[in-house]
PDB file of N, CA and C in Angstrom:
ATOM      1  N   UNK A   1     104.849  73.547 129.423  1.00  0.00           N
ATOM      2  CA  UNK A   1     103.725  72.774 128.967  1.00  0.00           C
ATOM      3  C   UNK A   1     102.532  73.678 128.651  1.00  0.00           C
ATOM      4  N   UNK A   2     102.287  74.642 129.513  1.00  0.00           N
ATOM      5  CA  UNK A   2     101.189  75.573 129.259  1.00  0.00           C
ATOM      6  C   UNK A   2     101.494  76.413 128.028  1.00  0.00           C
ATOM      7  N   UNK A   3     102.753  76.817 127.894  1.00  0.00           N
ATOM      8  CA  UNK A   3     103.146  77.608 126.738  1.00  0.00           C
ATOM      9  C   UNK A   3     102.950  76.811 125.454  1.00  0.00           C
ATOM     10  N   UNK A   4     103.313  75.552 125.490  1.00  0.00           N
ATOM     11  CA  UNK A   4     103.127  74.700 124.319  1.00  0.00           C
ATOM     12  C   UNK A   4     101.652  74.579 123.952  1.00  0.00           C
ATOM     13  N   UNK A   5     100.796  74.419 124.940  1.00  0.00           N
ATOM     14  CA  UNK A   5      99.356  74.313 124.687  1.00  0.00           C
ATOM     15  C   UNK A   5      98.817  75.621 124.116  1.00  0.00           C
ATOM     16  N   UNK A   6      99.249  76.744 124.677  1.00  0.00           N
ATOM     17  CA  UNK A   6      98.777  78.054 124.195  1.00  0.00           C
ATOM     18  C   UNK A   6      99.233  78.285 122.763  1.00  0.00           C
ATOM     19  N   UNK A   7     100.500  77.965 122.466  1.00  0.00           N
ATOM     20  CA  UNK A   7     100.999  78.162 121.102  1.00  0.00           C
ATOM     21  C   UNK A   7     100.309  77.226 120.112  1.00  0.00           C
ATOM     22  N   UNK A   8     100.050  75.997 120.522  1.00  0.00           N
ATOM     23  CA  UNK A   8      99.342  75.062 119.650  1.00  0.00           C
ATOM     24  C   UNK A   8      97.920  75.546 119.393  1.00  0.00           C
ATOM     25  N   UNK A   9      97.261  76.019 120.424  1.00  0.00           N
ATOM     26  CA  UNK A   9      95.907  76.553 120.268  1.00  0.00           C
ATOM     27  C   UNK A   9      95.912  77.786 119.365  1.00  0.00           C
ATOM     28  N   UNK A  10      96.874  78.662 119.546  1.00  0.00           N
ATOM     29  CA  UNK A  10      96.977  79.851 118.706  1.00  0.00           C
ATOM     30  C   UNK A  10      97.229  79.464 117.252  1.00  0.00           C
ATOM     31  N   UNK A  11      98.104  78.492 117.022  1.00  0.00           N
ATOM     32  CA  UNK A  11      98.364  78.013 115.663  1.00  0.00           C
ATOM     33  C   UNK A  11      97.095  77.434 115.047  1.00  0.00           C
ATOM     34  N   UNK A  12      96.333  76.673 115.825  1.00  0.00           N
ATOM     35  CA  UNK A  12      95.093  76.090 115.335  1.00  0.00           C
ATOM     36  C   UNK A  12      94.088  77.181 114.960  1.00  0.00           C
ATOM     37  N   UNK A  13      93.965  78.190 115.798  1.00  0.00           N
ATOM     38  CA  UNK A  13      93.009  79.274 115.529  1.00  0.00           C
ATOM     39  C   UNK A  13      93.412  80.028 114.260  1.00  0.00           C
ATOM     40  N   UNK A  14      94.693  80.334 114.122  1.00  0.00           N
ATOM     41  CA  UNK A  14      95.152  81.032 112.921  1.00  0.00           C
ATOM     42  C   UNK A  14      94.958  80.164 111.688  1.00  0.00           C
ATOM     43  N   UNK A  15      95.210  78.868 111.809  1.00  0.00           N
ATOM     44  CA  UNK A  15      95.006  77.960 110.676  1.00  0.00           C
ATOM     45  C   UNK A  15      93.538  77.913 110.263  1.00  0.00           C
ATOM     46  N   UNK A  16      92.638  77.873 111.229  1.00  0.00           N
ATOM     47  CA  UNK A  16      91.206  77.840 110.914  1.00  0.00           C
ATOM     48  C   UNK A  16      90.772  79.154 110.269  1.00  0.00           C
ATOM     49  N   UNK A  17      91.280  80.268 110.788  1.00  0.00           N
ATOM     50  CA  UNK A  17      90.879  81.569 110.239  1.00  0.00           C
ATOM     51  C   UNK A  17      91.423  81.799 108.837  1.00  0.00           C
ATOM     52  N   UNK A  18      92.589  81.276 108.540  1.00  0.00           N
ATOM     53  CA  UNK A  18      93.181  81.499 107.220  1.00  0.00           C
ATOM     54  C   UNK A  18      92.864  80.390 106.229  1.00  0.00           C
ATOM     55  N   UNK A  19      92.108  79.398 106.626  1.00  0.00           N
ATOM     56  CA  UNK A  19      91.778  78.294 105.730  1.00  0.00           C
ATOM     57  C   UNK A  19      91.072  78.748 104.454  1.00  0.00           C
ATOM     58  N   UNK A  20      90.041  79.603 104.540  1.00  0.00           N
ATOM     59  CA  UNK A  20      89.387  80.037 103.288  1.00  0.00           C
ATOM     60  C   UNK A  20      90.338  80.810 102.367  1.00  0.00           C
ATOM     61  N   UNK A  21      91.253  81.539 102.936  1.00  0.00           N
ATOM     62  CA  UNK A  21      92.194  82.298 102.109  1.00  0.00           C
ATOM     63  C   UNK A  21      93.163  81.351 101.416  1.00  0.00           C
ATOM     64  N   UNK A  22      93.585  80.309 102.125  1.00  0.00           N
ATOM     65  CA  UNK A  22      94.521  79.354 101.533  1.00  0.00           C
ATOM     66  C   UNK A  22      93.886  78.524 100.431  1.00  0.00           C
ATOM     67  N   UNK A  23      92.572  78.464 100.364  1.00  0.00           N
ATOM     68  CA  UNK A  23      91.890  77.727  99.301  1.00  0.00           C
ATOM     69  C   UNK A  23      91.889  78.475  97.969  1.00  0.00           C
ATOM     70  N   UNK A  24      92.118  79.788  98.010  1.00  0.00           N
ATOM     71  CA  UNK A  24      92.081  80.587  96.784  1.00  0.00           C
ATOM     72  C   UNK A  24      93.301  80.318  95.916  1.00  0.00           C
ATOM     73  N   UNK A  25      93.182  80.623  94.639  1.00  0.00           N
ATOM     74  CA  UNK A  25      94.302  80.473  93.718  1.00  0.00           C
ATOM     75  C   UNK A  25      95.380  81.519  94.020  1.00  0.00           C
ATOM     76  N   UNK A  26      96.585  81.219  93.549  1.00  0.00           N
ATOM     77  CA  UNK A  26      97.669  82.171  93.724  1.00  0.00           C
ATOM     78  C   UNK A  26      97.424  83.405  92.870  1.00  0.00           C
ATOM     79  N   UNK A  27      97.874  84.542  93.370  1.00  0.00           N
ATOM     80  CA  UNK A  27      97.690  85.803  92.669  1.00  0.00           C
ATOM     81  C   UNK A  27      98.960  86.115  91.888  1.00  0.00           C
ATOM     82  N   UNK A  28      98.785  86.484  90.647  1.00  0.00           N
ATOM     83  CA  UNK A  28      99.917  86.895  89.827  1.00  0.00           C
ATOM     84  C   UNK A  28      99.860  88.398  89.631  1.00  0.00           C
ATOM     85  N   UNK A  29     100.928  89.071  90.036  1.00  0.00           N
ATOM     86  CA  UNK A  29     100.980  90.522  89.923  1.00  0.00           C
ATOM     87  C   UNK A  29     101.510  90.915  88.554  1.00  0.00           C
ATOM     88  N   UNK A  30     100.966  91.991  88.015  1.00  0.00           N
ATOM     89  CA  UNK A  30     101.464  92.450  86.728  1.00  0.00           C
ATOM     90  C   UNK A  30     102.713  93.313  86.924  1.00  0.00           C
ATOM     91  N   UNK A  31     103.300  93.741  85.850  1.00  0.00           N
ATOM     92  CA  UNK A  31     104.555  94.495  85.911  1.00  0.00           C
ATOM     93  C   UNK A  31     104.342  95.910  86.440  1.00  0.00           C
ATOM     94  N   UNK A  32     103.137  96.395  86.460  1.00  0.00           N
ATOM     95  CA  UNK A  32     102.884  97.762  86.913  1.00  0.00           C
ATOM     96  C   UNK A  32     103.033  97.917  88.430  1.00  0.00           C
ATOM     97  N   UNK A  33     103.119  96.799  89.158  1.00  0.00           N
ATOM     98  CA  UNK A  33     103.243  96.893  90.613  1.00  0.00           C
ATOM     99  C   UNK A  33     104.566  97.550  91.004  1.00  0.00           C
ATOM    100  N   UNK A  34     105.616  97.293  90.237  1.00  0.00           N
ATOM    101  CA  UNK A  34     106.918  97.923  90.505  1.00  0.00           C
ATOM    102  C   UNK A  34     106.811  99.425  90.286  1.00  0.00           C
ATOM    103  N   UNK A  35     106.119  99.829  89.251  1.00  0.00           N
ATOM    104  CA  UNK A  35     105.927 101.253  88.983  1.00  0.00           C
ATOM    105  C   UNK A  35     105.098 101.895  90.085  1.00  0.00           C
ATOM    106  N   UNK A  36     104.114 101.174  90.608  1.00  0.00           N
ATOM    107  CA  UNK A  36     103.290 101.722  91.681  1.00  0.00           C
ATOM    108  C   UNK A  36     104.124 101.959  92.942  1.00  0.00           C
ATOM    109  N   UNK A  37     104.989 100.991  93.298  1.00  0.00           N
ATOM    110  CA  UNK A  37     105.860 101.186  94.457  1.00  0.00           C
ATOM    111  C   UNK A  37     106.844 102.322  94.221  1.00  0.00           C
ATOM    112  N   UNK A  38     107.339 102.445  93.023  1.00  0.00           N
ATOM    113  CA  UNK A  38     108.257 103.523  92.682  1.00  0.00           C
ATOM    114  C   UNK A  38     107.570 104.883  92.812  1.00  0.00           C
ATOM    115  N   UNK A  39     106.341 104.982  92.301  1.00  0.00           N
ATOM    116  CA  UNK A  39     105.582 106.234  92.407  1.00  0.00           C
ATOM    117  C   UNK A  39     105.261 106.566  93.864  1.00  0.00           C
ATOM    118  N   UNK A  40     104.942 105.554  94.648  1.00  0.00           N
ATOM    119  CA  UNK A  40     104.660 105.789  96.067  1.00  0.00           C
ATOM    120  C   UNK A  40     105.909 106.291  96.780  1.00  0.00           C
ATOM    121  N   UNK A  41     107.073 105.735  96.432  1.00  0.00           N
ATOM    122  CA  UNK A  41     108.321 106.200  97.034  1.00  0.00           C
ATOM    123  C   UNK A  41     108.633 107.629  96.658  1.00  0.00           C
ATOM    124  N   UNK A  42     108.389 107.989  95.407  1.00  0.00           N
ATOM    125  CA  UNK A  42     108.613 109.371  94.980  1.00  0.00           C
ATOM    126  C   UNK A  42     107.656 110.325  95.693  1.00  0.00           C
ATOM    127  N   UNK A  43     106.405 109.919  95.840  1.00  0.00           N
ATOM    128  CA  UNK A  43     105.436 110.760  96.557  1.00  0.00           C
ATOM    129  C   UNK A  43     105.840 110.929  98.018  1.00  0.00           C
ATOM    130  N   UNK A  44     106.334 109.847  98.619  1.00  0.00           N
ATOM    131  CA  UNK A  44     106.804 109.927 100.003  1.00  0.00           C
ATOM    132  C   UNK A  44     107.970 110.897 100.120  1.00  0.00           C
ATOM    133  N   UNK A  45     108.899 110.855  99.172  1.00  0.00           N
ATOM    134  CA  UNK A  45     110.042 111.768  99.214  1.00  0.00           C
ATOM    135  C   UNK A  45     109.604 113.217  99.091  1.00  0.00           C
ATOM    136  N   UNK A  46     108.630 113.468  98.219  1.00  0.00           N
ATOM    137  CA  UNK A  46     108.147 114.843  98.035  1.00  0.00           C
ATOM    138  C   UNK A  46     107.446 115.332  99.298  1.00  0.00           C
ATOM    139  N   UNK A  47     106.568 114.504  99.875  1.00  0.00           N
ATOM    140  CA  UNK A  47     105.834 114.900 101.071  1.00  0.00           C
ATOM    141  C   UNK A  47     106.733 114.972 102.310  1.00  0.00           C
ATOM    142  N   UNK A  48     107.770 114.150 102.337  1.00  0.00           N
ATOM    143  CA  UNK A  48     108.627 114.077 103.510  1.00  0.00           C
ATOM    144  C   UNK A  48     109.416 115.358 103.730  1.00  0.00           C
ATOM    145  N   UNK A  49     109.661 116.118 102.675  1.00  0.00           N
ATOM    146  CA  UNK A  49     110.400 117.375 102.838  1.00  0.00           C
ATOM    147  C   UNK A  49     109.547 118.421 103.540  1.00  0.00           C
ATOM    148  N   UNK A  50     108.231 118.362 103.352  1.00  0.00           N
ATOM    149  CA  UNK A  50     107.336 119.345 103.955  1.00  0.00           C
ATOM    150  C   UNK A  50     106.679 118.808 105.225  1.00  0.00           C
ATOM    151  N   UNK A  51     106.305 117.552 105.198  1.00  0.00           N
ATOM    152  CA  UNK A  51     105.506 116.918 106.247  1.00  0.00           C
ATOM    153  C   UNK A  51     106.267 115.691 106.730  1.00  0.00           C
ATOM    154  N   UNK A  52     106.819 115.720 107.945  1.00  0.00           N
ATOM    155  CA  UNK A  52     107.688 114.619 108.407  1.00  0.00           C
ATOM    156  C   UNK A  52     106.909 113.325 108.678  1.00  0.00           C
ATOM    157  N   UNK A  53     106.638 112.586 107.615  1.00  0.00           N
ATOM    158  CA  UNK A  53     105.811 111.384 107.703  1.00  0.00           C
ATOM    159  C   UNK A  53     106.477 110.317 108.566  1.00  0.00           C
ATOM    160  N   UNK A  54     107.770 110.124 108.390  1.00  0.00           N
ATOM    161  CA  UNK A  54     108.479 109.108 109.164  1.00  0.00           C
ATOM    162  C   UNK A  54     108.422 109.369 110.654  1.00  0.00           C
ATOM    163  N   UNK A  55     108.577 110.623 111.038  1.00  0.00           N
ATOM    164  CA  UNK A  55     108.512 110.987 112.452  1.00  0.00           C
ATOM    165  C   UNK A  55     107.108 110.776 113.004  1.00  0.00           C
ATOM    166  N   UNK A  56     106.111 111.153 112.243  1.00  0.00           N
ATOM    167  CA  UNK A  56     104.721 110.980 112.696  1.00  0.00           C
ATOM    168  C   UNK A  56     104.402 109.492 112.857  1.00  0.00           C
ATOM    169  N   UNK A  57     104.840 108.672 111.930  1.00  0.00           N
ATOM    170  CA  UNK A  57     104.596 107.231 112.033  1.00  0.00           C
ATOM    171  C   UNK A  57     105.332 106.652 113.232  1.00  0.00           C
ATOM    172  N   UNK A  58     106.578 107.092 113.459  1.00  0.00           N
ATOM    173  CA  UNK A  58     107.355 106.579 114.592  1.00  0.00           C
ATOM    174  C   UNK A  58     106.721 106.973 115.924  1.00  0.00           C
ATOM    175  N   UNK A  59     106.288 108.204 116.053  1.00  0.00           N
ATOM    176  CA  UNK A  59     105.663 108.657 117.302  1.00  0.00           C
ATOM    177  C   UNK A  59     104.333 107.940 117.518  1.00  0.00           C
ATOM    178  N   UNK A  60     103.555 107.773 116.459  1.00  0.00           N
ATOM    179  CA  UNK A  60     102.287 107.052 116.576  1.00  0.00           C
ATOM    180  C   UNK A  60     102.524 105.602 116.988  1.00  0.00           C
ATOM    181  N   UNK A  61     103.527 104.957 116.395  1.00  0.00           N
ATOM    182  CA  UNK A  61     103.844 103.583 116.766  1.00  0.00           C
ATOM    183  C   UNK A  61     104.293 103.501 118.219  1.00  0.00           C
ATOM    184  N   UNK A  62     105.058 104.476 118.669  1.00  0.00           N
ATOM    185  CA  UNK A  62     105.488 104.502 120.070  1.00  0.00           C
ATOM    186  C   UNK A  62     104.295 104.656 121.004  1.00  0.00           C
ATOM    187  N   UNK A  63     103.382 105.553 120.678  1.00  0.00           N
ATOM    188  CA  UNK A  63     102.199 105.748 121.519  1.00  0.00           C
ATOM    189  C   UNK A  63     101.327 104.493 121.555  1.00  0.00           C
ATOM    190  N   UNK A  64     101.153 103.849 120.413  1.00  0.00           N
ATOM    191  CA  UNK A  64     100.354 102.623 120.370  1.00  0.00           C
ATOM    192  C   UNK A  64     101.029 101.529 121.197  1.00  0.00           C
ATOM    193  N   UNK A  65     102.354 101.439 121.109  1.00  0.00           N
ATOM    194  CA  UNK A  65     103.086 100.445 121.888  1.00  0.00           C
ATOM    195  C   UNK A  65     102.927 100.679 123.381  1.00  0.00           C
ATOM    196  N   UNK A  66     103.024 101.927 123.811  1.00  0.00           N
ATOM    197  CA  UNK A  66     102.870 102.244 125.236  1.00  0.00           C
ATOM    198  C   UNK A  66     101.449 101.927 125.699  1.00  0.00           C
ATOM    199  N   UNK A  67     100.457 102.290 124.904  1.00  0.00           N
ATOM    200  CA  UNK A  67      99.075 102.013 125.284  1.00  0.00           C
ATOM    201  C   UNK A  67      98.798 100.513 125.341  1.00  0.00           C
ATOM    202  N   UNK A  68      99.350  99.759 124.397  1.00  0.00           N
ATOM    203  CA  UNK A  68      99.180  98.309 124.443  1.00  0.00           C
ATOM    204  C   UNK A  68      99.886  97.693 125.641  1.00  0.00           C
ATOM    205  N   UNK A  69     101.048  98.238 126.006  1.00  0.00           N
ATOM    206  CA  UNK A  69     101.754  97.741 127.189  1.00  0.00           C
ATOM    207  C   UNK A  69     100.926  97.999 128.451  1.00  0.00           C
ATOM    208  N   UNK A  70     100.310  99.164 128.543  1.00  0.00           N
ATOM    209  CA  UNK A  70      99.455  99.477 129.695  1.00  0.00           C
ATOM    210  C   UNK A  70      98.246  98.537 129.721  1.00  0.00           C
ATOM    211  N   UNK A  71      97.656  98.269 128.549  1.00  0.00           N
ATOM    212  CA  UNK A  71      96.523  97.354 128.472  1.00  0.00           C
ATOM    213  C   UNK A  71      96.918  95.951 128.912  1.00  0.00           C
ATOM    214  N   UNK A  72      98.072  95.474 128.454  1.00  0.00           N
ATOM    215  CA  UNK A  72      98.538  94.144 128.846  1.00  0.00           C
ATOM    216  C   UNK A  72      98.815  94.108 130.340  1.00  0.00           C
ATOM    217  N   UNK A  73      99.375  95.179 130.893  1.00  0.00           N
ATOM    218  CA  UNK A  73      99.642  95.262 132.328  1.00  0.00           C
ATOM    219  C   UNK A  73      98.348  95.136 133.123  1.00  0.00           C
ATOM    220  N   UNK A  74      97.328  95.899 132.727  1.00  0.00           N
ATOM    221  CA  UNK A  74      96.048  95.837 133.429  1.00  0.00           C
ATOM    222  C   UNK A  74      95.383  94.472 133.264  1.00  0.00           C
ATOM    223  N   UNK A  75      95.460  93.898 132.066  1.00  0.00           N
ATOM    224  CA  UNK A  75      94.866  92.587 131.838  1.00  0.00           C
ATOM    225  C   UNK A  75      95.568  91.511 132.666  1.00  0.00           C
ATOM    226  N   UNK A  76      96.883  91.608 132.776  1.00  0.00           N
ATOM    227  CA  UNK A  76      97.631  90.646 133.582  1.00  0.00           C
ATOM    228  C   UNK A  76      97.269  90.781 135.054  1.00  0.00           C
ATOM    229  N   UNK A  77      97.188  91.996 135.543  1.00  0.00           N
ATOM    230  CA  UNK A  77      96.795  92.205 136.947  1.00  0.00           C
ATOM    231  C   UNK A  77      95.372  91.713 137.201  1.00  0.00           C
ATOM    232  N   UNK A  78      94.460  91.947 136.249  1.00  0.00           N
ATOM    233  CA  UNK A  78      93.088  91.475 136.404  1.00  0.00           C
ATOM    234  C   UNK A  78      93.058  89.950 136.446  1.00  0.00           C
ATOM    235  N   UNK A  79      93.845  89.317 135.561  1.00  0.00           N
ATOM    236  CA  UNK A  79      93.887  87.866 135.528  1.00  0.00           C
ATOM    237  C   UNK A  79      94.477  87.285 136.801  1.00  0.00           C
ATOM    238  N   UNK A  80      95.501  87.923 137.328  1.00  0.00           N
ATOM    239  CA  UNK A  80      96.106  87.458 138.586  1.00  0.00           C
ATOM    240  C   UNK A  80      95.099  87.549 139.734  1.00  0.00           C
ATOM    241  N   UNK A  81      94.303  88.600 139.756  1.00  0.00           N
ATOM    242  CA  UNK A  81      93.302  88.740 140.809  1.00  0.00           C
ATOM    243  C   UNK A  81      92.173  87.719 140.651  1.00  0.00           C
ATOM    244  N   UNK A  82      91.869  87.313 139.397  1.00  0.00           N
ATOM    245  CA  UNK A  82      90.791  86.362 139.164  1.00  0.00           C
ATOM    246  C   UNK A  82      91.194  84.928 139.494  1.00  0.00           C
ATOM    247  N   UNK A  83      92.459  84.604 139.367  1.00  0.00           N
ATOM    248  CA  UNK A  83      92.913  83.239 139.655  1.00  0.00           C
ATOM    249  C   UNK A  83      93.113  83.125 141.169  1.00  0.00           C
ATOM    250  N   UNK A  84      92.415  82.183 141.810  1.00  0.00           N
ATOM    251  CA  UNK A  84      92.577  82.057 143.251  1.00  0.00           C
ATOM    252  C   UNK A  84      93.966  81.470 143.567  1.00  0.00           C
ATOM    253  N   UNK A  85      94.446  81.830 144.726  1.00  0.00           N
ATOM    254  CA  UNK A  85      95.751  81.303 145.139  1.00  0.00           C
ATOM    255  C   UNK A  85      95.616  79.848 145.556  1.00  0.00           C
ATOM    256  N   UNK A  86      96.624  79.057 145.254  1.00  0.00           N
ATOM    257  CA  UNK A  86      96.628  77.640 145.571  1.00  0.00           C
ATOM    258  C   UNK A  86      97.461  77.457 146.842  1.00  0.00           C
ATOM    259  N   UNK A  87      96.826  76.932 147.883  1.00  0.00           N
ATOM    260  CA  UNK A  87      97.527  76.712 149.145  1.00  0.00           C
ATOM    261  C   UNK A  87      97.749  75.221 149.368  1.00  0.00           C
TER     262      UNK A  87
END
């Protein structure tokens, strides 16, 4: 029941925050977007031989994940200490 309330509240907050964006007209992309992605892929291939971009992104993502896990751990412990025990 609490999970349902939290998810409903989260859905409501996201809906309110994205409401102005949903009011805008649809965006039509031109044909050059495919060429832009193709050029970005070629640039990535050229840089990847000298500078391991994939490895750097993976290690950075791992570090961010660990730091967020530590933050959630501390926040959960803080919340548990703030909620009084029910006897």
